[in-house]
Amino acid sequence: MSLTSIRRSSVATVLVAGALVLGLSACSSSGGGSAMDKASATAAVSQTAQATAPVEQVADQPFGAACAAVPKDGAGSFAGMAKDPVATAASNNPLLSTLVTAVKQAGLVDTLNSAQNITVFAPTNDAFAKLPKAALDAVLADKDKLTKILTYHVTPNRLAPTALPGSHKTLQGGEAEVSGSGEDFTVNGNAKVLCGNVQTANATVYIVDTVLMPAS
């Protein structure tokens, strides 16, 4: 290549570079010079969404050691229970079959299924098994007493884990006292939450290891 050709090529390169610089400057100055501002705003929104999304996801998750015993799929799984009202959802959970029997015996299925935004402390089968058999049979045979015990396990507010600590009025009329924080909660000092923040269509459920008894 001749010296003249090299010089012409260099000049052309400089001219192209200059045109690109001018073009970029014109783009950034047009419309109030906001190209960089728009990019910054978009990045800020993206960072905010990324910062908040994980918190919302964590808040929706059930917690506790007994959650591992809940079926992974089907009507009795967390996803399946979320589609049904609480009494129906409980009937599909193998941990709660005795509770479901008691709810049916008391005639509370429709009451619980039609209630809106409630919290249910749900004793496991093992929780009912702690009661002497004669005492449990007597309670199941006494509809009025059974209704009082079961409605004592229900509050008229849907309580997230962060709102759980404190005293809560129940449908029975008495107060249930919850202590703890994070993923460690106890109701009335002796009923430990084994699997909490379980969602159904109309309730938040906290599965407990002890039957709650209202003051007589």
N, C-alpha and C. Protein backbone atom coordinates (compact mmCIF):
# COMPACT_ATOMS: atom_id res chain seq x y z
N MET A 1 0.86 -1.19 0.00
CA MET A 1 0.00 0.00 0.00
C MET A 1 0.89 1.23 0.00
N SER A 2 0.54 2.24 -0.84
CA SER A 2 1.35 3.47 -0.95
C SER A 2 1.13 4.36 0.25
N LEU A 3 2.05 5.29 0.46
CA LEU A 3 1.97 6.24 1.56
C LEU A 3 0.71 7.08 1.45
N THR A 4 0.36 7.41 0.21
CA THR A 4 -0.84 8.24 -0.01
C THR A 4 -2.09 7.49 0.42
N SER A 5 -2.16 6.19 0.12
CA SER A 5 -3.31 5.37 0.50
C SER A 5 -3.44 5.27 2.01
N ILE A 6 -2.29 5.10 2.69
CA ILE A 6 -2.30 5.01 4.15
C ILE A 6 -2.84 6.28 4.76
N ARG A 7 -2.34 7.44 4.19
CA ARG A 7 -2.80 8.72 4.73
C ARG A 7 -4.30 8.89 4.54
N ARG A 8 -4.80 8.49 3.33
CA ARG A 8 -6.23 8.61 3.07
C ARG A 8 -7.05 7.74 4.03
N SER A 9 -6.57 6.53 4.30
CA SER A 9 -7.26 5.62 5.22
C SER A 9 -7.31 6.19 6.62
N SER A 10 -6.19 6.79 7.06
CA SER A 10 -6.13 7.37 8.41
C SER A 10 -7.10 8.51 8.53
N VAL A 11 -7.14 9.36 7.48
CA VAL A 11 -8.05 10.50 7.51
C VAL A 11 -9.51 10.02 7.58
N ALA A 12 -9.83 8.97 6.81
CA ALA A 12 -11.20 8.44 6.81
C ALA A 12 -11.58 7.89 8.18
N THR A 13 -10.62 7.23 8.83
CA THR A 13 -10.88 6.67 10.16
C THR A 13 -11.19 7.77 11.15
N VAL A 14 -10.39 8.85 11.08
CA VAL A 14 -10.59 9.98 11.99
C VAL A 14 -11.96 10.60 11.76
N LEU A 15 -12.37 10.74 10.47
CA LEU A 15 -13.65 11.35 10.15
C LEU A 15 -14.81 10.50 10.67
N VAL A 16 -14.71 9.17 10.52
CA VAL A 16 -15.76 8.28 11.00
C VAL A 16 -15.88 8.36 12.52
N ALA A 17 -14.73 8.35 13.21
CA ALA A 17 -14.74 8.44 14.67
C ALA A 17 -15.38 9.73 15.13
N GLY A 18 -15.02 10.82 14.42
CA GLY A 18 -15.59 12.11 14.77
C GLY A 18 -17.09 12.12 14.58
N ALA A 19 -17.57 11.51 13.50
CA ALA A 19 -19.01 11.48 13.26
C ALA A 19 -19.74 10.69 14.34
N LEU A 20 -19.14 9.59 14.80
CA LEU A 20 -19.75 8.79 15.86
C LEU A 20 -19.84 9.58 17.16
N VAL A 21 -18.77 10.32 17.47
CA VAL A 21 -18.77 11.14 18.69
C VAL A 21 -19.86 12.18 18.63
N LEU A 22 -19.98 12.86 17.46
CA LEU A 22 -21.01 13.89 17.29
C LEU A 22 -22.40 13.29 17.39
N GLY A 23 -22.57 12.09 16.79
CA GLY A 23 -23.87 11.44 16.84
C GLY A 23 -24.27 11.08 18.26
N LEU A 24 -23.34 10.55 19.04
CA LEU A 24 -23.63 10.20 20.42
C LEU A 24 -23.93 11.42 21.25
N SER A 25 -23.21 12.50 21.00
CA SER A 25 -23.45 13.74 21.73
C SER A 25 -24.83 14.26 21.43
N ALA A 26 -25.25 14.18 20.16
CA ALA A 26 -26.56 14.67 19.77
C ALA A 26 -27.66 13.85 20.44
N CYS A 27 -27.45 12.52 20.54
CA CYS A 27 -28.45 11.66 21.18
C CYS A 27 -28.60 12.00 22.65
N SER A 28 -27.46 12.24 23.32
CA SER A 28 -27.52 12.51 24.74
C SER A 28 -28.09 13.88 25.04
N SER A 29 -27.94 14.85 24.09
CA SER A 29 -28.44 16.19 24.33
C SER A 29 -29.89 16.34 23.93
N SER A 30 -30.40 15.49 23.00
CA SER A 30 -31.79 15.61 22.57
C SER A 30 -32.71 15.10 23.66
N GLY A 31 -33.93 15.70 23.73
CA GLY A 31 -34.89 15.28 24.74
C GLY A 31 -34.44 15.62 26.13
N GLY A 32 -33.72 16.74 26.32
CA GLY A 32 -33.30 17.17 27.66
C GLY A 32 -32.09 16.45 28.14
N GLY A 33 -31.36 15.75 27.23
CA GLY A 33 -30.12 15.07 27.63
C GLY A 33 -30.38 14.00 28.66
N SER A 34 -31.44 13.19 28.49
CA SER A 34 -31.86 12.26 29.55
C SER A 34 -31.49 10.82 29.28
N ALA A 35 -30.72 10.51 28.27
CA ALA A 35 -30.41 9.12 27.97
C ALA A 35 -29.73 8.45 29.15
N MET A 36 -28.73 9.13 29.71
CA MET A 36 -28.03 8.55 30.84
C MET A 36 -28.93 8.51 32.07
N ASP A 37 -29.78 9.57 32.25
CA ASP A 37 -30.68 9.59 33.38
C ASP A 37 -31.67 8.44 33.32
N LYS A 38 -32.20 8.15 32.11
CA LYS A 38 -33.14 7.05 31.96
C LYS A 38 -32.48 5.72 32.29
N ALA A 39 -31.23 5.57 31.84
CA ALA A 39 -30.51 4.33 32.14
C ALA A 39 -30.33 4.17 33.64
N SER A 40 -30.00 5.29 34.32
CA SER A 40 -29.80 5.24 35.78
C SER A 40 -31.10 4.90 36.49
N ALA A 41 -32.21 5.51 36.04
CA ALA A 41 -33.50 5.24 36.66
C ALA A 41 -33.90 3.79 36.49
N THR A 42 -33.66 3.27 35.28
CA THR A 42 -34.00 1.86 35.02
C THR A 42 -33.20 0.94 35.92
N ALA A 43 -31.91 1.26 36.08
CA ALA A 43 -31.06 0.44 36.95
C ALA A 43 -31.53 0.51 38.38
N ALA A 44 -31.97 1.71 38.84
CA ALA A 44 -32.43 1.86 40.21
C ALA A 44 -33.69 1.06 40.47
N VAL A 45 -34.64 1.09 39.52
CA VAL A 45 -35.86 0.31 39.66
C VAL A 45 -35.55 -1.17 39.71
N SER A 46 -34.62 -1.61 38.85
CA SER A 46 -34.24 -3.03 38.83
C SER A 46 -33.63 -3.45 40.15
N GLN A 47 -32.76 -2.58 40.70
CA GLN A 47 -32.12 -2.91 41.98
C GLN A 47 -33.15 -2.97 43.10
N THR A 48 -34.14 -2.05 43.07
CA THR A 48 -35.19 -2.05 44.10
C THR A 48 -36.01 -3.32 44.03
N ALA A 49 -36.39 -3.74 42.81
CA ALA A 49 -37.18 -4.96 42.65
C ALA A 49 -36.40 -6.17 43.15
N GLN A 50 -35.10 -6.20 42.83
CA GLN A 50 -34.28 -7.32 43.26
C GLN A 50 -34.16 -7.34 44.77
N ALA A 51 -34.14 -6.15 45.40
CA ALA A 51 -33.98 -6.08 46.85
C ALA A 51 -35.23 -6.50 47.59
N THR A 52 -36.42 -6.17 47.02
CA THR A 52 -37.66 -6.46 47.72
C THR A 52 -38.21 -7.84 47.43
N ALA A 53 -37.99 -8.39 46.25
CA ALA A 53 -38.60 -9.67 45.87
C ALA A 53 -38.23 -10.81 46.82
N PRO A 54 -36.95 -10.98 47.20
CA PRO A 54 -36.62 -12.10 48.09
C PRO A 54 -37.34 -12.01 49.42
N VAL A 55 -37.53 -10.78 49.96
CA VAL A 55 -38.21 -10.64 51.24
C VAL A 55 -39.64 -11.14 51.16
N GLU A 56 -40.36 -10.78 50.07
CA GLU A 56 -41.74 -11.22 49.89
C GLU A 56 -41.81 -12.74 49.77
N GLN A 57 -40.85 -13.33 49.06
CA GLN A 57 -40.85 -14.77 48.87
C GLN A 57 -40.64 -15.49 50.19
N VAL A 58 -39.71 -15.00 51.00
CA VAL A 58 -39.42 -15.63 52.29
C VAL A 58 -40.63 -15.53 53.21
N ALA A 59 -41.30 -14.35 53.19
CA ALA A 59 -42.44 -14.12 54.08
C ALA A 59 -43.57 -15.09 53.81
N ASP A 60 -43.68 -15.61 52.60
CA ASP A 60 -44.78 -16.49 52.22
C ASP A 60 -44.49 -17.96 52.51
N GLN A 61 -43.32 -18.29 53.00
CA GLN A 61 -42.93 -19.68 53.14
C GLN A 61 -43.33 -20.26 54.49
N PRO A 62 -43.89 -21.48 54.52
CA PRO A 62 -44.09 -22.16 55.81
C PRO A 62 -42.74 -22.44 56.47
N PHE A 63 -42.75 -22.57 57.79
CA PHE A 63 -41.50 -22.84 58.50
C PHE A 63 -41.76 -23.86 59.61
N GLY A 64 -40.69 -24.55 60.01
CA GLY A 64 -40.78 -25.47 61.13
C GLY A 64 -40.42 -26.89 60.73
N ALA A 65 -39.94 -27.67 61.70
CA ALA A 65 -39.45 -29.02 61.44
C ALA A 65 -40.54 -29.95 60.90
N ALA A 66 -41.78 -29.80 61.38
CA ALA A 66 -42.85 -30.70 60.96
C ALA A 66 -43.32 -30.43 59.54
N CYS A 67 -42.90 -29.33 58.96
CA CYS A 67 -43.31 -29.04 57.58
C CYS A 67 -42.81 -30.11 56.62
N ALA A 68 -41.74 -30.80 57.00
CA ALA A 68 -41.19 -31.86 56.14
C ALA A 68 -42.15 -33.04 56.00
N ALA A 69 -43.09 -33.19 56.95
CA ALA A 69 -44.04 -34.30 56.90
C ALA A 69 -45.24 -34.00 56.01
N VAL A 70 -45.36 -32.77 55.56
CA VAL A 70 -46.48 -32.40 54.69
C VAL A 70 -46.18 -32.94 53.29
N PRO A 71 -47.17 -33.53 52.62
CA PRO A 71 -46.94 -34.07 51.27
C PRO A 71 -46.35 -33.03 50.32
N LYS A 72 -45.52 -33.48 49.41
CA LYS A 72 -44.85 -32.56 48.48
C LYS A 72 -45.78 -32.10 47.36
N ASP A 73 -46.78 -32.90 47.05
CA ASP A 73 -47.71 -32.50 45.99
C ASP A 73 -49.09 -33.05 46.31
N GLY A 74 -50.06 -32.66 45.50
CA GLY A 74 -51.42 -33.10 45.72
C GLY A 74 -52.20 -32.16 46.62
N ALA A 75 -53.43 -32.55 46.96
CA ALA A 75 -54.32 -31.68 47.74
C ALA A 75 -53.79 -31.39 49.14
N GLY A 76 -53.00 -32.31 49.70
CA GLY A 76 -52.48 -32.12 51.05
C GLY A 76 -51.16 -31.37 51.12
N SER A 77 -50.61 -31.00 49.98
CA SER A 77 -49.37 -30.23 49.94
C SER A 77 -49.64 -28.78 50.28
N PHE A 78 -48.59 -27.99 50.48
CA PHE A 78 -48.78 -26.57 50.76
C PHE A 78 -49.51 -25.88 49.61
N ALA A 79 -49.13 -26.20 48.39
CA ALA A 79 -49.78 -25.59 47.23
C ALA A 79 -51.24 -26.02 47.14
N GLY A 80 -51.51 -27.28 47.43
CA GLY A 80 -52.88 -27.78 47.39
C GLY A 80 -53.74 -27.17 48.48
N MET A 81 -53.20 -27.05 49.69
CA MET A 81 -53.96 -26.48 50.80
C MET A 81 -54.29 -25.02 50.56
N ALA A 82 -53.42 -24.32 49.87
CA ALA A 82 -53.64 -22.89 49.61
C ALA A 82 -54.86 -22.65 48.73
N LYS A 83 -55.31 -23.67 48.01
CA LYS A 83 -56.46 -23.53 47.11
C LYS A 83 -57.79 -23.77 47.80
N ASP A 84 -57.77 -24.41 48.98
CA ASP A 84 -59.01 -24.81 49.65
C ASP A 84 -59.24 -24.02 50.93
N PRO A 85 -60.51 -23.86 51.35
CA PRO A 85 -60.77 -23.26 52.67
C PRO A 85 -60.24 -24.18 53.76
N VAL A 86 -60.10 -23.64 54.95
CA VAL A 86 -59.24 -24.28 55.96
C VAL A 86 -59.70 -25.67 56.39
N ALA A 87 -61.00 -25.89 56.61
CA ALA A 87 -61.43 -27.22 57.05
C ALA A 87 -61.20 -28.26 55.96
N THR A 88 -61.45 -27.88 54.72
CA THR A 88 -61.20 -28.79 53.60
C THR A 88 -59.71 -29.05 53.45
N ALA A 89 -58.91 -27.99 53.56
CA ALA A 89 -57.45 -28.14 53.45
C ALA A 89 -56.92 -29.07 54.54
N ALA A 90 -57.41 -28.91 55.77
CA ALA A 90 -56.95 -29.75 56.87
C ALA A 90 -57.30 -31.22 56.64
N SER A 91 -58.45 -31.47 56.00
CA SER A 91 -58.87 -32.86 55.75
C SER A 91 -57.94 -33.58 54.79
N ASN A 92 -57.15 -32.82 54.05
CA ASN A 92 -56.20 -33.42 53.11
C ASN A 92 -54.79 -33.54 53.68
N ASN A 93 -54.61 -33.08 54.93
CA ASN A 93 -53.30 -33.11 55.56
C ASN A 93 -53.24 -34.28 56.55
N PRO A 94 -52.35 -35.25 56.33
CA PRO A 94 -52.31 -36.44 57.19
C PRO A 94 -51.95 -36.14 58.64
N LEU A 95 -51.37 -34.99 58.94
CA LEU A 95 -51.03 -34.63 60.31
C LEU A 95 -52.25 -34.24 61.14
N LEU A 96 -53.37 -33.95 60.46
CA LEU A 96 -54.50 -33.29 61.14
C LEU A 96 -55.79 -34.10 61.10
N SER A 97 -55.70 -35.41 60.92
CA SER A 97 -56.92 -36.21 60.75
C SER A 97 -57.79 -36.23 62.01
N THR A 98 -57.18 -36.26 63.19
CA THR A 98 -57.98 -36.24 64.42
C THR A 98 -58.68 -34.91 64.60
N LEU A 99 -57.99 -33.83 64.28
CA LEU A 99 -58.61 -32.50 64.34
C LEU A 99 -59.81 -32.43 63.40
N VAL A 100 -59.67 -32.97 62.22
CA VAL A 100 -60.77 -32.95 61.24
C VAL A 100 -61.96 -33.73 61.78
N THR A 101 -61.70 -34.87 62.41
CA THR A 101 -62.78 -35.66 63.02
C THR A 101 -63.51 -34.84 64.08
N ALA A 102 -62.75 -34.12 64.90
CA ALA A 102 -63.35 -33.29 65.95
C ALA A 102 -64.16 -32.14 65.35
N VAL A 103 -63.65 -31.52 64.31
CA VAL A 103 -64.36 -30.41 63.65
C VAL A 103 -65.69 -30.91 63.07
N LYS A 104 -65.66 -32.08 62.45
CA LYS A 104 -66.90 -32.66 61.91
C LYS A 104 -67.88 -33.00 63.03
N GLN A 105 -67.35 -33.55 64.12
CA GLN A 105 -68.19 -33.93 65.26
C GLN A 105 -68.89 -32.71 65.86
N ALA A 106 -68.20 -31.58 65.85
CA ALA A 106 -68.78 -30.35 66.41
C ALA A 106 -69.65 -29.61 65.40
N GLY A 107 -69.67 -30.06 64.16
CA GLY A 107 -70.47 -29.39 63.14
C GLY A 107 -69.91 -28.04 62.72
N LEU A 108 -68.57 -27.92 62.72
CA LEU A 108 -67.93 -26.63 62.45
C LEU A 108 -67.30 -26.53 61.06
N VAL A 109 -67.50 -27.53 60.22
CA VAL A 109 -66.86 -27.52 58.90
C VAL A 109 -67.29 -26.30 58.10
N ASP A 110 -68.59 -26.08 57.98
CA ASP A 110 -69.07 -24.94 57.20
C ASP A 110 -68.68 -23.62 57.84
N THR A 111 -68.70 -23.57 59.17
CA THR A 111 -68.33 -22.33 59.87
C THR A 111 -66.90 -21.94 59.56
N LEU A 112 -66.00 -22.89 59.63
CA LEU A 112 -64.59 -22.59 59.37
C LEU A 112 -64.34 -22.31 57.89
N ASN A 113 -64.99 -23.06 57.04
CA ASN A 113 -64.77 -22.87 55.60
C ASN A 113 -65.31 -21.54 55.09
N SER A 114 -66.36 -21.02 55.73
CA SER A 114 -66.96 -19.77 55.27
C SER A 114 -66.38 -18.54 55.95
N ALA A 115 -65.61 -18.73 57.02
CA ALA A 115 -64.99 -17.58 57.70
C ALA A 115 -63.95 -16.94 56.79
N GLN A 116 -63.69 -15.67 57.02
CA GLN A 116 -62.72 -14.95 56.19
C GLN A 116 -61.55 -14.46 57.03
N ASN A 117 -60.33 -14.71 56.51
CA ASN A 117 -59.11 -14.17 57.11
C ASN A 117 -58.99 -14.49 58.60
N ILE A 118 -58.93 -15.77 58.90
CA ILE A 118 -58.77 -16.22 60.28
C ILE A 118 -57.41 -16.88 60.45
N THR A 119 -57.06 -17.11 61.71
CA THR A 119 -55.86 -17.88 62.04
C THR A 119 -56.29 -19.10 62.83
N VAL A 120 -55.74 -20.25 62.49
CA VAL A 120 -56.10 -21.50 63.17
C VAL A 120 -54.84 -22.12 63.76
N PHE A 121 -54.87 -22.39 65.06
CA PHE A 121 -53.83 -23.18 65.71
C PHE A 121 -54.31 -24.63 65.65
N ALA A 122 -53.66 -25.43 64.84
CA ALA A 122 -54.16 -26.77 64.52
C ALA A 122 -53.34 -27.85 65.23
N PRO A 123 -53.93 -28.52 66.23
CA PRO A 123 -53.20 -29.59 66.92
C PRO A 123 -53.02 -30.81 66.01
N THR A 124 -51.86 -31.41 66.10
CA THR A 124 -51.58 -32.62 65.32
C THR A 124 -52.29 -33.83 65.94
N ASN A 125 -52.25 -34.93 65.23
CA ASN A 125 -52.78 -36.18 65.78
C ASN A 125 -52.08 -36.55 67.08
N ASP A 126 -50.77 -36.34 67.14
CA ASP A 126 -50.01 -36.63 68.35
C ASP A 126 -50.42 -35.74 69.50
N ALA A 127 -50.81 -34.50 69.19
CA ALA A 127 -51.28 -33.59 70.24
C ALA A 127 -52.54 -34.14 70.89
N PHE A 128 -53.47 -34.63 70.09
CA PHE A 128 -54.69 -35.23 70.66
C PHE A 128 -54.37 -36.52 71.39
N ALA A 129 -53.35 -37.24 70.93
CA ALA A 129 -52.98 -38.51 71.57
C ALA A 129 -52.40 -38.29 72.96
N LYS A 130 -51.96 -37.07 73.27
CA LYS A 130 -51.46 -36.77 74.61
C LYS A 130 -52.59 -36.81 75.64
N LEU A 131 -53.81 -36.56 75.18
CA LEU A 131 -54.95 -36.57 76.10
C LEU A 131 -55.30 -38.01 76.47
N PRO A 132 -55.66 -38.26 77.71
CA PRO A 132 -56.12 -39.61 78.07
C PRO A 132 -57.31 -39.99 77.20
N LYS A 133 -57.34 -41.24 76.76
CA LYS A 133 -58.38 -41.68 75.82
C LYS A 133 -59.79 -41.43 76.37
N ALA A 134 -59.97 -41.69 77.65
CA ALA A 134 -61.30 -41.49 78.24
C ALA A 134 -61.69 -40.01 78.18
N ALA A 135 -60.72 -39.13 78.43
CA ALA A 135 -61.00 -37.69 78.39
C ALA A 135 -61.30 -37.24 76.97
N LEU A 136 -60.53 -37.75 75.99
CA LEU A 136 -60.76 -37.38 74.60
C LEU A 136 -62.12 -37.87 74.12
N ASP A 137 -62.48 -39.11 74.48
CA ASP A 137 -63.78 -39.65 74.09
C ASP A 137 -64.91 -38.83 74.70
N ALA A 138 -64.71 -38.38 75.93
CA ALA A 138 -65.74 -37.59 76.61
C ALA A 138 -65.93 -36.24 75.93
N VAL A 139 -64.83 -35.64 75.52
CA VAL A 139 -64.90 -34.35 74.84
C VAL A 139 -65.59 -34.50 73.49
N LEU A 140 -65.22 -35.53 72.75
CA LEU A 140 -65.82 -35.76 71.44
C LEU A 140 -67.32 -36.02 71.53
N ALA A 141 -67.75 -36.54 72.67
CA ALA A 141 -69.17 -36.85 72.86
C ALA A 141 -69.96 -35.64 73.37
N ASP A 142 -69.27 -34.60 73.81
CA ASP A 142 -69.93 -33.40 74.35
C ASP A 142 -69.76 -32.27 73.34
N LYS A 143 -70.78 -32.05 72.51
CA LYS A 143 -70.67 -31.10 71.41
C LYS A 143 -70.40 -29.68 71.89
N ASP A 144 -71.05 -29.26 72.95
CA ASP A 144 -70.85 -27.90 73.45
C ASP A 144 -69.42 -27.68 73.92
N LYS A 145 -68.91 -28.63 74.70
CA LYS A 145 -67.53 -28.51 75.19
C LYS A 145 -66.53 -28.59 74.06
N LEU A 146 -66.79 -29.48 73.11
CA LEU A 146 -65.90 -29.64 71.96
C LEU A 146 -65.87 -28.36 71.13
N THR A 147 -67.03 -27.74 70.95
CA THR A 147 -67.10 -26.49 70.18
C THR A 147 -66.29 -25.40 70.86
N LYS A 148 -66.38 -25.30 72.19
CA LYS A 148 -65.62 -24.28 72.92
C LYS A 148 -64.12 -24.50 72.75
N ILE A 149 -63.70 -25.77 72.83
CA ILE A 149 -62.26 -26.07 72.71
C ILE A 149 -61.78 -25.74 71.29
N LEU A 150 -62.53 -26.15 70.29
CA LEU A 150 -62.09 -25.93 68.91
C LEU A 150 -62.10 -24.46 68.54
N THR A 151 -63.13 -23.71 68.94
CA THR A 151 -63.16 -22.28 68.59
C THR A 151 -62.11 -21.50 69.37
N TYR A 152 -61.61 -22.09 70.47
CA TYR A 152 -60.50 -21.45 71.19
C TYR A 152 -59.20 -21.51 70.37
N HIS A 153 -59.17 -22.37 69.39
CA HIS A 153 -58.00 -22.50 68.52
C HIS A 153 -58.05 -21.55 67.32
N VAL A 154 -59.05 -20.68 67.26
CA VAL A 154 -59.25 -19.83 66.09
C VAL A 154 -59.30 -18.36 66.51
N THR A 155 -58.55 -17.52 65.82
CA THR A 155 -58.65 -16.07 66.02
C THR A 155 -59.29 -15.44 64.79
N PRO A 156 -60.00 -14.32 64.98
CA PRO A 156 -60.71 -13.70 63.85
C PRO A 156 -59.82 -12.85 62.96
N ASN A 157 -58.52 -12.91 63.16
CA ASN A 157 -57.59 -12.15 62.34
C ASN A 157 -56.58 -13.09 61.72
N ARG A 158 -56.17 -12.78 60.50
CA ARG A 158 -55.15 -13.58 59.81
C ARG A 158 -53.79 -13.06 60.23
N LEU A 159 -53.07 -13.84 61.03
CA LEU A 159 -51.83 -13.38 61.64
C LEU A 159 -50.60 -13.90 60.90
N ALA A 160 -49.80 -12.96 60.39
CA ALA A 160 -48.51 -13.31 59.83
C ALA A 160 -47.55 -13.61 60.98
N PRO A 161 -46.44 -14.31 60.72
CA PRO A 161 -45.50 -14.61 61.80
C PRO A 161 -45.03 -13.38 62.58
N THR A 162 -44.85 -12.26 61.89
CA THR A 162 -44.39 -11.05 62.58
C THR A 162 -45.44 -10.50 63.54
N ALA A 163 -46.72 -10.82 63.30
CA ALA A 163 -47.80 -10.32 64.16
C ALA A 163 -48.23 -11.35 65.20
N LEU A 164 -47.57 -12.50 65.22
CA LEU A 164 -48.00 -13.60 66.07
C LEU A 164 -47.76 -13.37 67.57
N PRO A 165 -46.60 -12.85 67.99
CA PRO A 165 -46.37 -12.67 69.43
C PRO A 165 -47.40 -11.72 70.04
N GLY A 166 -47.88 -12.09 71.23
CA GLY A 166 -48.84 -11.25 71.93
C GLY A 166 -50.09 -12.01 72.29
N SER A 167 -51.08 -11.28 72.80
CA SER A 167 -52.34 -11.87 73.22
C SER A 167 -53.39 -11.69 72.12
N HIS A 168 -54.10 -12.77 71.80
CA HIS A 168 -55.07 -12.73 70.71
C HIS A 168 -56.41 -13.29 71.17
N LYS A 169 -57.47 -12.51 70.95
CA LYS A 169 -58.81 -12.95 71.31
C LYS A 169 -59.25 -14.05 70.34
N THR A 170 -59.84 -15.10 70.86
CA THR A 170 -60.26 -16.23 70.03
C THR A 170 -61.77 -16.18 69.78
N LEU A 171 -62.24 -17.02 68.87
CA LEU A 171 -63.67 -17.09 68.58
C LEU A 171 -64.45 -17.63 69.79
N GLN A 172 -63.79 -18.37 70.66
CA GLN A 172 -64.43 -18.87 71.87
C GLN A 172 -64.66 -17.74 72.87
N GLY A 173 -63.87 -16.68 72.76
CA GLY A 173 -64.01 -15.54 73.66
C GLY A 173 -62.82 -15.35 74.59
N GLY A 174 -62.03 -16.39 74.78
CA GLY A 174 -60.85 -16.28 75.62
C GLY A 174 -59.66 -15.73 74.86
N GLU A 175 -58.54 -15.61 75.57
CA GLU A 175 -57.31 -15.08 74.98
C GLU A 175 -56.28 -16.20 74.83
N ALA A 176 -55.59 -16.20 73.70
CA ALA A 176 -54.46 -17.11 73.49
C ALA A 176 -53.20 -16.27 73.47
N GLU A 177 -52.23 -16.67 74.25
CA GLU A 177 -50.99 -15.90 74.39
C GLU A 177 -49.86 -16.58 73.62
N VAL A 178 -49.28 -15.85 72.68
CA VAL A 178 -48.19 -16.40 71.87
C VAL A 178 -46.90 -15.69 72.22
N SER A 179 -45.85 -16.46 72.45
CA SER A 179 -44.53 -15.90 72.71
C SER A 179 -43.54 -16.45 71.69
N GLY A 180 -42.44 -15.72 71.50
CA GLY A 180 -41.42 -16.18 70.58
C GLY A 180 -41.19 -15.20 69.46
N SER A 181 -40.34 -15.59 68.52
CA SER A 181 -40.01 -14.74 67.37
C SER A 181 -39.37 -15.60 66.29
N GLY A 182 -39.22 -15.00 65.11
CA GLY A 182 -38.56 -15.71 64.01
C GLY A 182 -39.36 -16.92 63.59
N GLU A 183 -38.82 -18.11 63.88
CA GLU A 183 -39.51 -19.36 63.55
C GLU A 183 -39.73 -20.21 64.80
N ASP A 184 -39.65 -19.58 65.97
CA ASP A 184 -39.77 -20.30 67.24
C ASP A 184 -40.88 -19.66 68.06
N PHE A 185 -42.06 -20.31 68.09
CA PHE A 185 -43.21 -19.76 68.78
C PHE A 185 -43.85 -20.81 69.69
N THR A 186 -44.41 -20.33 70.79
CA THR A 186 -45.13 -21.19 71.72
C THR A 186 -46.45 -20.51 72.08
N VAL A 187 -47.52 -21.31 72.12
CA VAL A 187 -48.84 -20.78 72.45
C VAL A 187 -49.20 -21.22 73.88
N ASN A 188 -49.60 -20.26 74.69
CA ASN A 188 -49.99 -20.50 76.09
C ASN A 188 -48.90 -21.21 76.90
N GLY A 189 -47.67 -20.99 76.50
CA GLY A 189 -46.54 -21.49 77.28
C GLY A 189 -46.18 -22.94 77.10
N ASN A 190 -47.04 -23.73 76.43
CA ASN A 190 -46.73 -25.16 76.32
C ASN A 190 -47.02 -25.79 74.96
N ALA A 191 -47.68 -25.07 74.07
CA ALA A 191 -47.98 -25.62 72.74
C ALA A 191 -47.00 -25.04 71.73
N LYS A 192 -46.09 -25.85 71.28
CA LYS A 192 -45.05 -25.39 70.37
C LYS A 192 -45.54 -25.44 68.92
N VAL A 193 -45.24 -24.38 68.17
CA VAL A 193 -45.57 -24.36 66.75
C VAL A 193 -44.59 -25.25 66.01
N LEU A 194 -45.10 -26.31 65.38
CA LEU A 194 -44.25 -27.27 64.68
C LEU A 194 -44.09 -26.92 63.20
N CYS A 195 -45.13 -26.35 62.63
CA CYS A 195 -45.10 -25.94 61.22
C CYS A 195 -46.02 -24.72 61.11
N GLY A 196 -45.44 -23.58 60.82
CA GLY A 196 -46.22 -22.35 60.84
C GLY A 196 -46.31 -21.65 59.50
N ASN A 197 -47.23 -20.69 59.46
CA ASN A 197 -47.44 -19.86 58.26
C ASN A 197 -47.91 -20.70 57.07
N VAL A 198 -48.74 -21.70 57.35
CA VAL A 198 -49.32 -22.52 56.29
C VAL A 198 -50.56 -21.80 55.77
N GLN A 199 -50.60 -21.56 54.48
CA GLN A 199 -51.70 -20.79 53.90
C GLN A 199 -52.80 -21.68 53.34
N THR A 200 -54.05 -21.31 53.65
CA THR A 200 -55.20 -21.89 52.97
C THR A 200 -55.95 -20.74 52.31
N ALA A 201 -57.04 -21.04 51.63
CA ALA A 201 -57.75 -20.00 50.89
C ALA A 201 -58.30 -18.91 51.80
N ASN A 202 -58.61 -19.26 53.05
CA ASN A 202 -59.21 -18.26 53.94
C ASN A 202 -58.55 -18.15 55.30
N ALA A 203 -57.42 -18.83 55.49
CA ALA A 203 -56.80 -18.83 56.82
C ALA A 203 -55.30 -19.03 56.75
N THR A 204 -54.64 -18.60 57.83
CA THR A 204 -53.24 -18.95 58.06
C THR A 204 -53.22 -19.96 59.20
N VAL A 205 -52.52 -21.06 59.01
CA VAL A 205 -52.53 -22.16 59.97
C VAL A 205 -51.16 -22.30 60.63
N TYR A 206 -51.20 -22.50 61.96
CA TYR A 206 -50.00 -22.83 62.72
C TYR A 206 -50.24 -24.18 63.38
N ILE A 207 -49.53 -25.19 62.92
CA ILE A 207 -49.70 -26.54 63.45
C ILE A 207 -48.95 -26.66 64.77
N VAL A 208 -49.65 -27.07 65.83
CA VAL A 208 -49.07 -27.10 67.18
C VAL A 208 -49.05 -28.52 67.74
N ASP A 209 -48.20 -28.71 68.77
CA ASP A 209 -48.02 -30.06 69.30
C ASP A 209 -48.86 -30.37 70.53
N THR A 210 -49.74 -29.43 70.93
CA THR A 210 -50.54 -29.61 72.12
C THR A 210 -51.94 -29.00 71.89
N VAL A 211 -52.96 -29.67 72.38
CA VAL A 211 -54.32 -29.13 72.31
C VAL A 211 -54.44 -27.98 73.28
N LEU A 212 -54.96 -26.85 72.81
CA LEU A 212 -55.15 -25.68 73.67
C LEU A 212 -56.45 -25.82 74.44
N MET A 213 -56.41 -25.52 75.74
CA MET A 213 -57.60 -25.63 76.56
C MET A 213 -57.98 -24.24 77.09
N PRO A 214 -59.21 -23.80 76.82
CA PRO A 214 -59.66 -22.50 77.35
C PRO A 214 -59.86 -22.57 78.84
N ALA A 215 -59.75 -21.41 79.48
CA ALA A 215 -60.02 -21.36 80.92
C ALA A 215 -61.48 -21.68 81.16
N SER A 216 -61.74 -22.50 82.14
CA SER A 216 -63.14 -22.90 82.40
C SER A 216 -63.89 -21.81 83.16
